[in-house]
Amino acid sequence: MTMDTDRTPPHSEAAERAVLGTVLVAAPECLASLSDMVAADFFFPCHCEAWEAIRALQKRGAPVNVVSVQDEIRARGAAGRFEDQTGWFIKAASSAVMPESIGSYASQVRKLATLRKLISLCIETEARAYSMGEVDDVLADVRNGVAALEVSSNSVGPIRISDLVEPALQEIGNRLDPTREHVIRTGIEAVDEITGGFRRGHEVIIGGLPSMGKSAAAIGVLAHNGLNRIPCYVVSLEMDRQEIVERILAMRSRISATDLYSGKARRNPDEWDRVNAAAKQIWDWPLWVDDRPMSTNKIIGEAHRWFAKCARAHRPDDPNPIALIAVDYLGLIQSDEKSENRNREIAKMAQGLKALAKELRIPVMLLAQLNRKVLERGGEPTMADLRDSG
């Protein structure tokens, strides 16, 4: 089965003309609200050229009107994109709507542009599937592509502070509501006292030398939040899923991890009863474990899928559910873009996960090993002490 590529992609000539015509007639009043619009949002080549000319004039601080845009198009050598340039401008100007209505037309243009991008993504995915590309890579790229479309389609551009004050006060007030979570608590009182908890949209890096207990600390945070019914997704590149479960069982049953790993706990009736009680307790925790080797893009794609499918489903009545993503650890993430400079790869991976936290508006906890030079230097570790970094 192949996709029908002969059909005309979704578009609205009337909506595109209404946006352009209104800008031509009332540019100063309209352009400020269209700051996030780009030429690629328009379907017709002549409309793309008109928008490029409008943006070029705006960037230079020149007036934007029918005459100036026509002159700009000619100067750019793009007049050939218009069958009848004069006639097009007359039609566009006559299609102008009230400036306060332009937002709805612009929204329609952007939504149809997103659908066209989605079609392109599907066609590309079909081609890769027929060429028998690596399944996990194809799936991860599809999820990442769809997530990028979701982010871009929800973009509204800069917002004036007068429109932000009231929502900010409401958010601050919501933090007093004990039934609503606005931060992720670690369960470690001293840490929560210092940090105030992990905030939405923040990337939290837990760094330490090898064998210092970074993974144990992360599992403690996950267990604390699982117990409190906070959806958690852990990408474990360090430990496999069995080891994670065993560590949680040991923690919740308060028995020696060595006894559990060696099997000694099975021979001790009291300890084994506590293990079984812990197993019943954690059985329905909203905690998802993923121990597959993954690249940054694949992690981001899987995280978006998990958040949409699992975190939101776990709290269907919350439009903006709090959740936690943990990645153990930075040095084991596969780089999507191979570089001779490992420092640059590490920085780019950390930046990608930070963007993920911002997009989903939840904390992302990232574990990282520190360079041993931190011991020689003394003092508090810095970002430069991340292993493989300079």
Protein backbone atom coordinates (compact mmCIF):
# COMPACT_ATOMS: atom_id res chain seq x y z
CA MET A 1 0.00 0.00 0.00
CA THR A 2 1.44 3.40 -0.97
CA MET A 3 0.37 6.91 -0.17
CA ASP A 4 -1.50 8.92 -2.77
CA THR A 5 0.93 11.73 -3.57
CA ASP A 6 -1.20 13.06 -6.45
CA ARG A 7 -3.71 14.74 -4.17
CA THR A 8 -3.33 18.43 -3.45
CA PRO A 9 -1.92 19.04 0.04
CA PRO A 10 -4.23 20.84 2.49
CA HIS A 11 -4.32 24.61 2.09
CA SER A 12 -6.68 27.58 2.02
CA GLU A 13 -6.06 30.22 -0.62
CA ALA A 14 -8.73 32.44 0.94
CA ALA A 15 -7.12 32.35 4.41
CA GLU A 16 -3.64 33.01 3.02
CA ARG A 17 -4.91 35.91 0.92
CA ALA A 18 -6.83 37.34 3.91
CA VAL A 19 -3.63 37.37 6.01
CA LEU A 20 -1.51 38.96 3.30
CA GLY A 21 -4.20 41.44 2.22
CA THR A 22 -4.80 42.62 5.76
CA VAL A 23 -1.06 43.14 6.31
CA LEU A 24 -0.81 45.13 3.07
CA VAL A 25 -3.68 47.38 4.14
CA ALA A 26 -2.92 47.69 7.88
CA ALA A 27 0.68 46.49 8.35
CA PRO A 28 1.73 48.25 11.58
CA GLU A 29 -1.36 47.07 13.42
CA CYS A 30 -1.10 43.45 12.25
CA LEU A 31 2.53 42.48 11.92
CA ALA A 32 3.24 42.48 15.66
CA SER A 33 0.75 39.64 16.16
CA LEU A 34 2.27 37.56 13.34
CA SER A 35 5.87 37.46 14.56
CA ASP A 36 5.96 33.64 14.55
CA MET A 37 4.70 33.28 10.98
CA VAL A 38 7.20 32.22 8.29
CA ALA A 39 7.08 32.02 4.50
CA ALA A 40 6.88 28.20 4.62
CA ASP A 41 3.48 28.50 6.31
CA PHE A 42 2.04 29.60 2.94
CA PHE A 43 1.20 27.04 0.25
CA PHE A 44 1.31 29.16 -2.92
CA PRO A 45 4.77 30.24 -4.16
CA CYS A 46 3.58 33.80 -4.82
CA HIS A 47 2.27 34.02 -1.26
CA CYS A 48 5.65 32.84 0.08
CA GLU A 49 7.40 35.52 -1.96
CA ALA A 50 4.99 38.20 -0.78
CA TRP A 51 5.61 37.26 2.85
CA GLU A 52 9.40 37.24 2.34
CA ALA A 53 9.15 40.74 0.86
CA ILE A 54 7.00 41.93 3.77
CA ARG A 55 9.49 40.57 6.33
CA ALA A 56 12.43 42.11 4.46
CA LEU A 57 10.78 45.54 4.53
CA GLN A 58 9.86 45.15 8.19
CA LYS A 59 13.42 44.16 9.09
CA ARG A 60 14.77 47.31 7.41
CA GLY A 61 12.19 49.46 9.16
CA ALA A 62 10.65 50.42 5.81
CA PRO A 63 6.89 50.99 5.38
CA VAL A 64 4.85 47.95 4.38
CA ASN A 65 2.10 48.64 1.86
CA VAL A 66 0.97 47.55 -1.60
CA VAL A 67 3.45 49.77 -3.45
CA SER A 68 6.51 49.01 -1.28
CA VAL A 69 5.90 45.25 -1.35
CA GLN A 70 5.52 45.28 -5.15
CA ASP A 71 8.79 47.18 -5.47
CA GLU A 72 10.54 44.80 -3.08
CA ILE A 73 9.37 41.75 -5.04
CA ARG A 74 10.70 43.24 -8.27
CA ALA A 75 14.00 44.12 -6.60
CA ARG A 76 14.33 40.52 -5.37
CA GLY A 77 13.74 39.20 -8.89
CA ALA A 78 10.68 37.27 -7.76
CA ALA A 79 8.04 38.89 -9.97
CA GLY A 80 7.98 35.76 -12.12
CA ARG A 81 6.22 33.89 -9.29
CA PHE A 82 3.12 36.00 -10.00
CA GLU A 83 1.09 35.39 -13.15
CA ASP A 84 -0.42 38.86 -12.86
CA GLN A 85 1.35 40.79 -10.13
CA THR A 86 -0.89 43.86 -10.27
CA GLY A 87 -4.03 41.74 -10.38
CA TRP A 88 -2.83 39.64 -7.45
CA PHE A 89 -2.25 42.70 -5.26
CA ILE A 90 -5.70 44.08 -6.10
CA LYS A 91 -7.31 40.76 -5.10
CA ALA A 92 -5.20 40.53 -1.94
CA ALA A 93 -6.09 44.05 -0.81
CA SER A 94 -9.78 43.37 -1.46
CA SER A 95 -9.52 40.21 0.71
CA ALA A 96 -8.38 42.17 3.78
CA VAL A 97 -10.34 41.57 6.98
CA MET A 98 -10.60 43.58 10.18
CA PRO A 99 -7.16 43.65 11.90
CA GLU A 100 -8.58 42.09 15.06
CA SER A 101 -9.73 39.07 13.02
CA ILE A 102 -6.39 38.31 11.38
CA GLY A 103 -5.35 35.95 14.19
CA SER A 104 -7.98 33.35 13.29
CA TYR A 105 -6.98 33.38 9.62
CA ALA A 106 -3.29 33.14 10.51
CA SER A 107 -4.05 30.23 12.84
CA GLN A 108 -5.82 28.40 10.01
CA VAL A 109 -2.85 28.97 7.69
CA ARG A 110 -0.40 27.61 10.27
CA LYS A 111 -2.55 24.55 11.06
CA LEU A 112 -2.77 23.62 7.39
CA ALA A 113 1.00 24.11 7.09
CA THR A 114 1.46 21.68 9.99
CA LEU A 115 -0.72 19.12 8.19
CA ARG A 116 1.45 19.47 5.08
CA LYS A 117 4.57 18.91 7.19
CA LEU A 118 2.92 15.85 8.71
CA ILE A 119 2.22 14.48 5.22
CA SER A 120 5.88 15.02 4.31
CA LEU A 121 6.93 13.20 7.47
CA CYS A 122 4.65 10.28 6.57
CA ILE A 123 6.05 10.09 3.04
CA GLU A 124 9.60 10.13 4.35
CA THR A 125 8.71 7.46 6.91
CA GLU A 126 7.12 5.30 4.19
CA ALA A 127 10.29 5.53 2.11
CA ARG A 128 12.47 4.55 5.07
CA ALA A 129 10.15 1.66 5.94
CA TYR A 130 10.28 0.32 2.36
CA SER A 131 14.08 0.58 2.42
CA MET A 132 14.00 -1.54 5.61
CA GLY A 133 15.68 1.01 7.85
CA GLU A 134 16.45 0.18 11.48
CA VAL A 135 13.01 -0.07 13.12
CA ASP A 136 13.90 1.57 16.42
CA ASP A 137 15.62 4.47 14.66
CA VAL A 138 12.69 5.03 12.29
CA LEU A 139 10.15 4.92 15.15
CA ALA A 140 12.22 7.29 17.27
CA ASP A 141 12.60 9.77 14.41
CA VAL A 142 8.86 9.65 13.72
CA ARG A 143 8.04 10.36 17.37
CA ASN A 144 10.60 13.13 17.46
CA GLY A 145 9.24 14.60 14.22
CA VAL A 146 5.67 14.54 15.47
CA ALA A 147 6.74 16.08 18.78
CA ALA A 148 8.50 18.89 16.90
CA LEU A 149 5.33 19.54 14.91
CA GLU A 150 3.29 19.64 18.12
CA VAL A 151 5.64 22.20 19.64
CA SER A 152 5.77 24.39 16.53
CA SER A 153 2.02 24.25 15.96
CA ASN A 154 1.42 25.41 19.55
CA SER A 155 3.86 28.29 19.26
CA VAL A 156 2.26 31.68 19.74
CA GLY A 157 5.37 33.86 19.61
CA PRO A 158 6.26 36.61 22.06
CA ILE A 159 3.59 37.53 24.61
CA ARG A 160 3.26 40.93 26.24
CA ILE A 161 3.85 40.90 29.99
CA SER A 162 0.38 42.33 30.67
CA ASP A 163 -1.01 39.01 29.39
CA LEU A 164 1.36 37.01 31.60
CA VAL A 165 0.86 38.59 35.01
CA GLU A 166 -2.55 37.12 35.83
CA PRO A 167 -1.61 33.52 34.83
CA ALA A 168 1.61 33.87 36.85
CA LEU A 169 -0.31 34.93 39.96
CA GLN A 170 -2.74 32.06 39.45
CA GLU A 171 0.15 29.60 39.18
CA ILE A 172 1.68 30.96 42.40
CA GLY A 173 -1.68 30.63 44.13
CA ASN A 174 -2.06 27.04 42.92
CA ARG A 175 1.10 26.13 44.79
CA LEU A 176 -0.80 26.58 48.05
CA ASP A 177 -3.33 23.93 46.99
CA PRO A 178 -2.24 20.67 48.68
CA THR A 179 -4.17 18.61 46.10
CA ARG A 180 -2.07 19.92 43.18
CA GLU A 181 1.61 19.21 42.65
CA HIS A 182 3.79 21.90 41.12
CA VAL A 183 7.22 20.46 41.92
CA ILE A 184 8.82 17.03 42.24
CA ARG A 185 10.04 16.27 45.76
CA THR A 186 13.12 14.11 46.20
CA GLY A 187 12.08 12.62 49.52
CA ILE A 188 15.39 13.82 50.98
CA GLU A 189 14.41 16.59 53.36
CA ALA A 190 17.73 18.45 53.29
CA VAL A 191 17.78 18.48 49.47
CA ASP A 192 14.16 19.62 49.21
CA GLU A 193 14.84 22.37 51.73
CA ILE A 194 17.74 23.72 49.65
CA THR A 195 16.27 23.31 46.17
CA GLY A 196 12.57 23.68 46.86
CA GLY A 197 12.08 20.53 44.78
CA PHE A 198 12.52 19.94 41.05
CA ARG A 199 10.55 22.60 39.17
CA ARG A 200 8.61 22.27 35.93
CA GLY A 201 10.70 22.68 32.80
CA HIS A 202 14.02 22.34 34.66
CA GLU A 203 16.84 19.95 33.87
CA VAL A 204 18.41 18.74 37.12
CA ILE A 205 21.88 17.23 36.83
CA ILE A 206 23.03 14.87 39.57
CA GLY A 207 26.79 14.54 39.22
CA GLY A 208 29.27 12.41 41.13
CA LEU A 209 32.36 10.27 40.81
CA PRO A 210 31.97 6.55 39.98
CA SER A 211 30.45 4.43 42.78
CA MET A 212 29.34 7.45 44.79
CA GLY A 213 25.67 6.44 44.72
CA LYS A 214 24.20 8.56 41.91
CA SER A 215 21.96 5.72 40.72
CA ALA A 216 20.89 4.89 44.26
CA ALA A 217 19.94 8.53 44.82
CA ALA A 218 17.96 8.63 41.59
CA ILE A 219 16.12 5.42 42.45
CA GLY A 220 15.28 6.92 45.83
CA VAL A 221 13.72 9.93 44.11
CA LEU A 222 11.78 7.68 41.72
CA ALA A 223 10.56 5.50 44.59
CA HIS A 224 9.43 8.53 46.60
CA ASN A 225 7.40 9.84 43.69
CA GLY A 226 6.06 6.44 42.67
CA LEU A 227 4.75 6.07 46.20
CA ASN A 228 3.07 9.47 45.83
CA ARG A 229 1.47 8.52 42.50
CA ILE A 230 3.59 10.86 40.36
CA PRO A 231 4.16 9.36 36.87
CA CYS A 232 7.86 8.62 36.35
CA TYR A 233 9.81 7.41 33.32
CA VAL A 234 13.39 6.24 33.79
CA VAL A 235 15.76 5.62 30.90
CA SER A 236 18.42 3.40 32.44
CA LEU A 237 21.54 3.01 30.35
CA GLU A 238 23.56 1.97 33.42
CA MET A 239 21.40 -0.76 35.00
CA ASP A 240 18.96 -3.24 33.47
CA ARG A 241 15.31 -3.35 34.49
CA GLN A 242 15.79 -6.33 36.82
CA GLU A 243 18.44 -4.50 38.81
CA ILE A 244 16.25 -1.43 39.13
CA VAL A 245 13.33 -3.47 40.46
CA GLU A 246 15.61 -5.28 42.91
CA ARG A 247 17.00 -2.00 44.21
CA ILE A 248 13.50 -0.61 44.76
CA LEU A 249 12.42 -3.80 46.54
CA ALA A 250 15.48 -3.68 48.79
CA MET A 251 14.81 -0.02 49.57
CA ARG A 252 11.10 -0.50 50.34
CA SER A 253 11.54 -3.73 52.34
CA ARG A 254 14.51 -2.30 54.27
CA ILE A 255 16.67 -5.36 53.82
CA SER A 256 20.25 -5.64 52.65
CA ALA A 257 20.61 -5.31 48.91
CA THR A 258 23.32 -7.96 49.12
CA ASP A 259 20.88 -10.40 50.76
CA LEU A 260 18.39 -9.76 47.98
CA TYR A 261 20.90 -10.08 45.15
CA SER A 262 22.48 -13.23 46.56
CA GLY A 263 19.15 -14.91 47.29
CA LYS A 264 19.75 -15.07 51.05
CA ALA A 265 16.53 -13.12 51.64
CA ARG A 266 14.57 -16.02 50.15
CA ARG A 267 15.81 -18.31 52.91
CA ASN A 268 14.81 -15.87 55.67
CA PRO A 269 11.00 -16.00 56.14
CA ASP A 270 10.81 -12.57 57.78
CA GLU A 271 12.87 -10.88 55.08
CA TRP A 272 10.99 -12.67 52.29
CA ASP A 273 7.64 -11.55 53.73
CA ARG A 274 8.90 -7.98 53.68
CA VAL A 275 10.05 -8.36 50.08
CA ASN A 276 6.61 -9.67 49.08
CA ALA A 277 4.90 -6.81 50.93
CA ALA A 278 7.13 -4.33 49.10
CA ALA A 279 6.35 -6.02 45.78
CA LYS A 280 2.61 -5.61 46.38
CA GLN A 281 3.15 -1.97 47.28
CA ILE A 282 5.12 -1.05 44.15
CA TRP A 283 3.06 -3.19 41.76
CA ASP A 284 0.72 -0.37 40.76
CA TRP A 285 3.17 2.53 40.93
CA PRO A 286 3.05 4.78 37.83
CA LEU A 287 6.70 4.03 37.08
CA TRP A 288 7.96 3.02 33.63
CA VAL A 289 11.46 1.56 33.10
CA ASP A 290 13.28 1.58 29.76
CA ASP A 291 16.72 -0.06 29.63
CA ARG A 292 17.29 -0.02 25.86
CA PRO A 293 20.43 1.66 24.50
CA MET A 294 19.24 4.93 22.99
CA SER A 295 20.46 8.12 21.36
CA THR A 296 19.35 11.56 22.50
CA ASN A 297 16.76 11.88 19.73
CA LYS A 298 15.38 8.44 20.52
CA ILE A 299 15.10 9.30 24.23
CA ILE A 300 13.31 12.54 23.38
CA GLY A 301 10.94 10.75 21.01
CA GLU A 302 10.17 8.00 23.55
CA ALA A 303 9.68 10.59 26.29
CA HIS A 304 7.12 12.48 24.23
CA ARG A 305 5.29 9.24 23.46
CA TRP A 306 5.34 8.17 27.11
CA PHE A 307 4.11 11.55 28.33
CA ALA A 308 1.22 11.59 25.84
CA LYS A 309 0.25 7.93 26.29
CA CYS A 310 1.01 7.24 29.95
CA ALA A 311 1.47 10.38 32.03
CA ARG A 312 -1.59 12.15 30.61
CA ALA A 313 -3.67 8.96 30.76
CA HIS A 314 -2.72 8.48 34.40
CA ARG A 315 -4.09 11.94 35.19
CA PRO A 316 -6.78 12.56 32.55
CA ASP A 317 -8.42 15.41 34.48
CA ASP A 318 -5.20 17.43 34.74
CA PRO A 319 -4.49 19.49 31.58
CA ASN A 320 -0.86 19.94 32.64
CA PRO A 321 0.13 16.89 34.72
CA ILE A 322 3.32 16.90 36.74
CA ALA A 323 5.66 13.99 35.99
CA LEU A 324 9.34 13.10 36.16
CA ILE A 325 11.81 11.79 33.58
CA ALA A 326 15.16 10.38 34.72
CA VAL A 327 18.12 9.45 32.50
CA ASP A 328 20.96 7.34 33.91
CA TYR A 329 23.42 8.47 32.70
CA LEU A 330 24.72 11.21 30.36
CA GLY A 331 27.99 9.51 29.41
CA LEU A 332 26.21 6.41 28.08
CA ILE A 333 23.78 8.18 25.75
CA GLN A 334 24.52 7.49 22.10
CA SER A 335 25.26 10.65 20.17
CA ASP A 336 23.06 11.35 17.13
CA GLU A 337 25.80 13.38 15.46
CA LYS A 338 29.25 11.88 15.68
CA SER A 339 31.92 14.46 16.35
CA GLU A 340 35.62 14.34 17.04
CA ASN A 341 34.93 16.64 19.97
CA ARG A 342 33.24 14.57 22.69
CA ASN A 343 32.83 17.70 24.82
CA ARG A 344 30.58 19.16 22.15
CA GLU A 345 28.55 15.95 21.93
CA ILE A 346 28.02 15.92 25.71
CA ALA A 347 26.91 19.57 25.68
CA LYS A 348 24.51 19.00 22.80
CA MET A 349 22.94 15.96 24.48
CA ALA A 350 22.43 17.90 27.71
CA GLN A 351 20.90 20.78 25.75
CA GLY A 352 18.50 18.40 23.99
CA LEU A 353 17.25 16.99 27.29
CA LYS A 354 16.93 20.48 28.73
CA ALA A 355 14.73 21.42 25.76
CA LEU A 356 12.65 18.29 26.45
CA ALA A 357 11.98 19.47 30.01
CA LYS A 358 10.90 22.85 28.74
CA GLU A 359 8.64 21.40 26.03
CA LEU A 360 6.83 18.99 28.39
CA ARG A 361 6.92 21.43 31.34
CA ILE A 362 8.16 18.73 33.71
CA PRO A 363 11.53 18.14 35.42
CA VAL A 364 14.15 15.97 33.72
CA MET A 365 16.68 14.42 36.12
CA LEU A 366 19.97 13.69 34.36
CA LEU A 367 22.73 11.70 36.02
CA ALA A 368 26.34 12.38 35.05
CA GLN A 369 29.78 11.26 36.13
CA LEU A 370 32.28 13.90 37.17
CA ASN A 371 35.85 14.21 36.00
CA ARG A 372 38.25 13.07 38.71
CA LYS A 373 40.07 16.39 38.43
CA VAL A 374 37.39 17.82 40.69
CA LEU A 375 39.16 16.04 43.58
CA GLU A 376 42.46 17.72 42.72
CA ARG A 377 40.89 21.16 42.46
CA GLY A 378 38.62 20.90 45.47
CA GLY A 379 35.54 23.04 46.05
CA GLU A 380 32.11 22.57 44.55
CA PRO A 381 31.85 20.81 41.16
CA THR A 382 30.88 22.81 38.08
CA MET A 383 29.44 21.96 34.66
CA ALA A 384 33.03 21.75 33.37
CA ASP A 385 33.60 18.77 35.67
CA LEU A 386 31.18 16.51 33.78
CA ARG A 387 33.13 13.49 32.62
CA ASP A 388 34.36 13.86 29.00
CA SER A 389 34.05 17.64 29.28
CA GLY A 390 36.86 20.14 29.45
